[in-house]
Amino acid sequence: MISVRLSEEEYSALVNLCVMSGARSVSDLARDGLRLLISGPDDGSLSKLHADGLQAQIQLLNRRIEELNQRIMTTHAQDMKSRLDNGPD
């Protein structure tokens, strides 16, 4: 058994990678990653793992950008409504 300390951001990234990769848990994902490291990069598995990780991070960033866009649009709409309700300055 091993234990690893992670920041909240690192753990969150692993949880998101689990969801994207279909792993059942962070433990399963870590175990699979360690198996790939032990077996060596001969079959390109590490490159695929790295690419999958990057893809998961990109998807997470895209979701967060969309959330920010929604917040901006909501704030803008509320601001416009407030200006209309208060009339011209």
N, C-alpha and C. Protein backbone atom coordinates (compact mmCIF):
# COMPACT_ATOMS: atom_id res chain seq x y z
N MET A 1 0.85 -1.18 0.00
CA MET A 1 0.00 0.00 0.00
C MET A 1 0.89 1.24 0.00
N ILE A 2 0.47 2.23 -0.75
CA ILE A 2 1.18 3.51 -0.77
C ILE A 2 0.19 4.63 -0.45
N SER A 3 0.74 5.73 0.00
CA SER A 3 -0.07 6.91 0.30
C SER A 3 0.59 8.10 -0.36
N VAL A 4 -0.22 8.95 -0.95
CA VAL A 4 0.30 10.12 -1.67
C VAL A 4 -0.47 11.34 -1.22
N ARG A 5 0.23 12.42 -0.95
CA ARG A 5 -0.42 13.68 -0.61
C ARG A 5 -0.64 14.48 -1.88
N LEU A 6 -1.85 14.99 -2.03
CA LEU A 6 -2.20 15.80 -3.19
C LEU A 6 -2.86 17.09 -2.72
N SER A 7 -2.69 18.14 -3.50
CA SER A 7 -3.42 19.37 -3.22
C SER A 7 -4.87 19.13 -3.63
N GLU A 8 -5.75 20.03 -3.21
CA GLU A 8 -7.15 19.91 -3.60
C GLU A 8 -7.30 19.97 -5.11
N GLU A 9 -6.51 20.83 -5.76
CA GLU A 9 -6.58 20.96 -7.22
C GLU A 9 -6.11 19.68 -7.90
N GLU A 10 -5.04 19.09 -7.39
CA GLU A 10 -4.54 17.84 -7.98
C GLU A 10 -5.57 16.72 -7.83
N TYR A 11 -6.15 16.63 -6.64
CA TYR A 11 -7.15 15.59 -6.41
C TYR A 11 -8.37 15.80 -7.29
N SER A 12 -8.80 17.03 -7.40
CA SER A 12 -9.94 17.35 -8.26
C SER A 12 -9.65 16.98 -9.71
N ALA A 13 -8.42 17.26 -10.17
CA ALA A 13 -8.04 16.90 -11.54
C ALA A 13 -8.07 15.38 -11.72
N LEU A 14 -7.63 14.64 -10.70
CA LEU A 14 -7.68 13.17 -10.79
C LEU A 14 -9.12 12.67 -10.83
N VAL A 15 -9.97 13.25 -10.02
CA VAL A 15 -11.38 12.85 -10.02
C VAL A 15 -11.99 13.11 -11.40
N ASN A 16 -11.69 14.27 -11.97
CA ASN A 16 -12.20 14.58 -13.32
C ASN A 16 -11.64 13.62 -14.35
N LEU A 17 -10.37 13.27 -14.21
CA LEU A 17 -9.77 12.31 -15.14
C LEU A 17 -10.43 10.94 -15.00
N CYS A 18 -10.79 10.57 -13.78
CA CYS A 18 -11.51 9.31 -13.57
C CYS A 18 -12.82 9.30 -14.35
N VAL A 19 -13.55 10.39 -14.25
CA VAL A 19 -14.83 10.48 -14.94
C VAL A 19 -14.62 10.38 -16.45
N MET A 20 -13.62 11.12 -16.95
CA MET A 20 -13.37 11.14 -18.40
C MET A 20 -12.85 9.80 -18.91
N SER A 21 -12.06 9.13 -18.10
CA SER A 21 -11.43 7.89 -18.57
C SER A 21 -12.27 6.65 -18.27
N GLY A 22 -13.30 6.82 -17.45
CA GLY A 22 -14.15 5.68 -17.11
C GLY A 22 -13.62 4.84 -15.96
N ALA A 23 -12.59 5.32 -15.27
CA ALA A 23 -12.07 4.59 -14.12
C ALA A 23 -13.12 4.62 -13.01
N ARG A 24 -13.16 3.54 -12.22
CA ARG A 24 -14.15 3.45 -11.15
C ARG A 24 -13.80 4.33 -9.96
N SER A 25 -12.50 4.59 -9.78
CA SER A 25 -12.08 5.37 -8.62
C SER A 25 -10.69 5.95 -8.89
N VAL A 26 -10.28 6.87 -8.01
CA VAL A 26 -8.93 7.43 -8.10
C VAL A 26 -7.91 6.31 -7.89
N SER A 27 -8.21 5.38 -6.99
CA SER A 27 -7.29 4.25 -6.75
C SER A 27 -7.09 3.42 -8.02
N ASP A 28 -8.19 3.12 -8.73
CA ASP A 28 -8.07 2.36 -9.97
C ASP A 28 -7.25 3.12 -11.01
N LEU A 29 -7.50 4.41 -11.11
CA LEU A 29 -6.75 5.22 -12.07
C LEU A 29 -5.26 5.24 -11.71
N ALA A 30 -4.95 5.43 -10.44
CA ALA A 30 -3.55 5.45 -10.00
C ALA A 30 -2.89 4.09 -10.24
N ARG A 31 -3.60 3.02 -9.93
CA ARG A 31 -3.07 1.68 -10.13
C ARG A 31 -2.77 1.43 -11.61
N ASP A 32 -3.69 1.81 -12.49
CA ASP A 32 -3.47 1.64 -13.92
C ASP A 32 -2.28 2.47 -14.40
N GLY A 33 -2.18 3.71 -13.88
CA GLY A 33 -1.05 4.56 -14.25
C GLY A 33 0.28 3.96 -13.80
N LEU A 34 0.31 3.42 -12.60
CA LEU A 34 1.54 2.80 -12.10
C LEU A 34 1.89 1.55 -12.89
N ARG A 35 0.89 0.77 -13.25
CA ARG A 35 1.16 -0.42 -14.09
C ARG A 35 1.79 -0.01 -15.42
N LEU A 36 1.29 1.06 -16.01
CA LEU A 36 1.86 1.54 -17.27
C LEU A 36 3.30 1.99 -17.08
N LEU A 37 3.57 2.66 -15.98
CA LEU A 37 4.93 3.11 -15.70
C LEU A 37 5.88 1.92 -15.51
N ILE A 38 5.39 0.91 -14.81
CA ILE A 38 6.22 -0.27 -14.56
C ILE A 38 6.49 -1.05 -15.84
N SER A 39 5.46 -1.17 -16.68
CA SER A 39 5.62 -1.95 -17.91
C SER A 39 6.48 -1.24 -18.94
N GLY A 40 6.65 0.05 -18.80
CA GLY A 40 7.49 0.80 -19.73
C GLY A 40 6.70 1.40 -20.86
N PRO A 41 7.28 2.39 -21.52
CA PRO A 41 6.58 3.12 -22.57
C PRO A 41 6.67 2.48 -23.96
N ASP A 42 7.08 1.22 -24.04
CA ASP A 42 7.32 0.59 -25.33
C ASP A 42 6.11 0.57 -26.24
N ASP A 43 4.93 0.39 -25.68
CA ASP A 43 3.75 0.26 -26.53
C ASP A 43 3.00 1.57 -26.74
N GLY A 44 3.57 2.66 -26.32
CA GLY A 44 2.92 3.95 -26.50
C GLY A 44 1.83 4.23 -25.49
N SER A 45 1.67 3.37 -24.50
CA SER A 45 0.61 3.54 -23.51
C SER A 45 0.78 4.82 -22.71
N LEU A 46 2.03 5.16 -22.37
CA LEU A 46 2.24 6.38 -21.61
C LEU A 46 1.86 7.60 -22.43
N SER A 47 2.16 7.57 -23.71
CA SER A 47 1.77 8.69 -24.57
C SER A 47 0.26 8.80 -24.62
N LYS A 48 -0.42 7.69 -24.71
CA LYS A 48 -1.89 7.70 -24.73
C LYS A 48 -2.42 8.18 -23.39
N LEU A 49 -1.83 7.72 -22.30
CA LEU A 49 -2.26 8.16 -20.98
C LEU A 49 -2.09 9.67 -20.84
N HIS A 50 -0.96 10.17 -21.30
CA HIS A 50 -0.70 11.61 -21.24
C HIS A 50 -1.70 12.36 -22.12
N ALA A 51 -1.95 11.85 -23.31
CA ALA A 51 -2.90 12.49 -24.22
C ALA A 51 -4.31 12.45 -23.63
N ASP A 52 -4.68 11.34 -23.01
CA ASP A 52 -5.99 11.24 -22.38
C ASP A 52 -6.12 12.24 -21.23
N GLY A 53 -5.05 12.37 -20.46
CA GLY A 53 -5.05 13.34 -19.36
C GLY A 53 -5.19 14.76 -19.87
N LEU A 54 -4.48 15.08 -20.93
CA LEU A 54 -4.59 16.42 -21.52
C LEU A 54 -6.00 16.65 -22.06
N GLN A 55 -6.55 15.65 -22.70
CA GLN A 55 -7.91 15.77 -23.24
C GLN A 55 -8.90 16.01 -22.12
N ALA A 56 -8.75 15.30 -21.01
CA ALA A 56 -9.65 15.49 -19.88
C ALA A 56 -9.51 16.90 -19.31
N GLN A 57 -8.29 17.39 -19.23
CA GLN A 57 -8.07 18.75 -18.73
C GLN A 57 -8.68 19.78 -19.68
N ILE A 58 -8.54 19.57 -20.96
CA ILE A 58 -9.12 20.48 -21.95
C ILE A 58 -10.64 20.50 -21.82
N GLN A 59 -11.23 19.33 -21.66
CA GLN A 59 -12.69 19.26 -21.51
C GLN A 59 -13.14 19.96 -20.24
N LEU A 60 -12.38 19.79 -19.16
CA LEU A 60 -12.71 20.47 -17.91
C LEU A 60 -12.61 21.98 -18.10
N LEU A 61 -11.55 22.44 -18.73
CA LEU A 61 -11.39 23.88 -18.99
C LEU A 61 -12.53 24.41 -19.86
N ASN A 62 -12.92 23.64 -20.87
CA ASN A 62 -14.03 24.06 -21.73
C ASN A 62 -15.32 24.20 -20.93
N ARG A 63 -15.58 23.27 -20.01
CA ARG A 63 -16.77 23.37 -19.17
C ARG A 63 -16.71 24.60 -18.28
N ARG A 64 -15.54 24.85 -17.72
CA ARG A 64 -15.40 26.02 -16.85
C ARG A 64 -15.55 27.32 -17.63
N ILE A 65 -15.03 27.36 -18.84
CA ILE A 65 -15.19 28.54 -19.70
C ILE A 65 -16.67 28.76 -19.99
N GLU A 66 -17.38 27.69 -20.29
CA GLU A 66 -18.82 27.80 -20.56
C GLU A 66 -19.56 28.30 -19.33
N GLU A 67 -19.19 27.80 -18.14
CA GLU A 67 -19.81 28.28 -16.90
C GLU A 67 -19.55 29.78 -16.72
N LEU A 68 -18.33 30.21 -16.97
CA LEU A 68 -18.00 31.63 -16.86
C LEU A 68 -18.78 32.46 -17.86
N ASN A 69 -18.90 31.97 -19.08
CA ASN A 69 -19.70 32.67 -20.10
C ASN A 69 -21.15 32.83 -19.64
N GLN A 70 -21.70 31.78 -19.06
CA GLN A 70 -23.07 31.85 -18.56
C GLN A 70 -23.20 32.89 -17.46
N ARG A 71 -22.22 32.91 -16.55
CA ARG A 71 -22.25 33.90 -15.47
C ARG A 71 -22.17 35.32 -16.02
N ILE A 72 -21.30 35.51 -16.99
CA ILE A 72 -21.14 36.83 -17.61
C ILE A 72 -22.44 37.26 -18.28
N MET A 73 -23.05 36.35 -19.02
CA MET A 73 -24.30 36.68 -19.72
C MET A 73 -25.41 37.00 -18.71
N THR A 74 -25.49 36.23 -17.63
CA THR A 74 -26.49 36.47 -16.60
C THR A 74 -26.27 37.83 -15.94
N THR A 75 -25.02 38.11 -15.59
CA THR A 75 -24.69 39.39 -14.97
C THR A 75 -24.99 40.54 -15.91
N HIS A 76 -24.64 40.38 -17.17
CA HIS A 76 -24.90 41.42 -18.16
C HIS A 76 -26.40 41.67 -18.31
N ALA A 77 -27.17 40.60 -18.37
CA ALA A 77 -28.63 40.74 -18.51
C ALA A 77 -29.22 41.42 -17.28
N GLN A 78 -28.74 41.07 -16.10
CA GLN A 78 -29.23 41.71 -14.87
C GLN A 78 -28.87 43.19 -14.86
N ASP A 79 -27.66 43.50 -15.31
CA ASP A 79 -27.21 44.89 -15.36
C ASP A 79 -28.07 45.70 -16.33
N MET A 80 -28.34 45.13 -17.49
CA MET A 80 -29.17 45.81 -18.48
C MET A 80 -30.59 46.03 -17.94
N LYS A 81 -31.14 45.02 -17.29
CA LYS A 81 -32.48 45.14 -16.73
C LYS A 81 -32.51 46.24 -15.66
N SER A 82 -31.48 46.27 -14.83
CA SER A 82 -31.39 47.29 -13.78
C SER A 82 -31.32 48.69 -14.38
N ARG A 83 -30.56 48.83 -15.44
CA ARG A 83 -30.44 50.13 -16.11
C ARG A 83 -31.78 50.55 -16.72
N LEU A 84 -32.48 49.61 -17.32
CA LEU A 84 -33.78 49.92 -17.91
C LEU A 84 -34.81 50.29 -16.84
N ASP A 85 -34.77 49.56 -15.72
CA ASP A 85 -35.72 49.82 -14.64
C ASP A 85 -35.47 51.18 -13.99
N ASN A 86 -34.20 51.60 -13.92
CA ASN A 86 -33.84 52.86 -13.26
C ASN A 86 -33.91 54.04 -14.20
N GLY A 87 -34.04 53.81 -15.47
CA GLY A 87 -34.13 54.89 -16.46
C GLY A 87 -32.78 55.53 -16.71
N PRO A 88 -32.75 56.53 -17.59
CA PRO A 88 -31.48 57.18 -17.94
C PRO A 88 -30.96 57.99 -16.75
N ASP A 89 -29.62 58.14 -16.73
CA ASP A 89 -28.97 58.90 -15.63
C ASP A 89 -29.20 60.37 -15.73
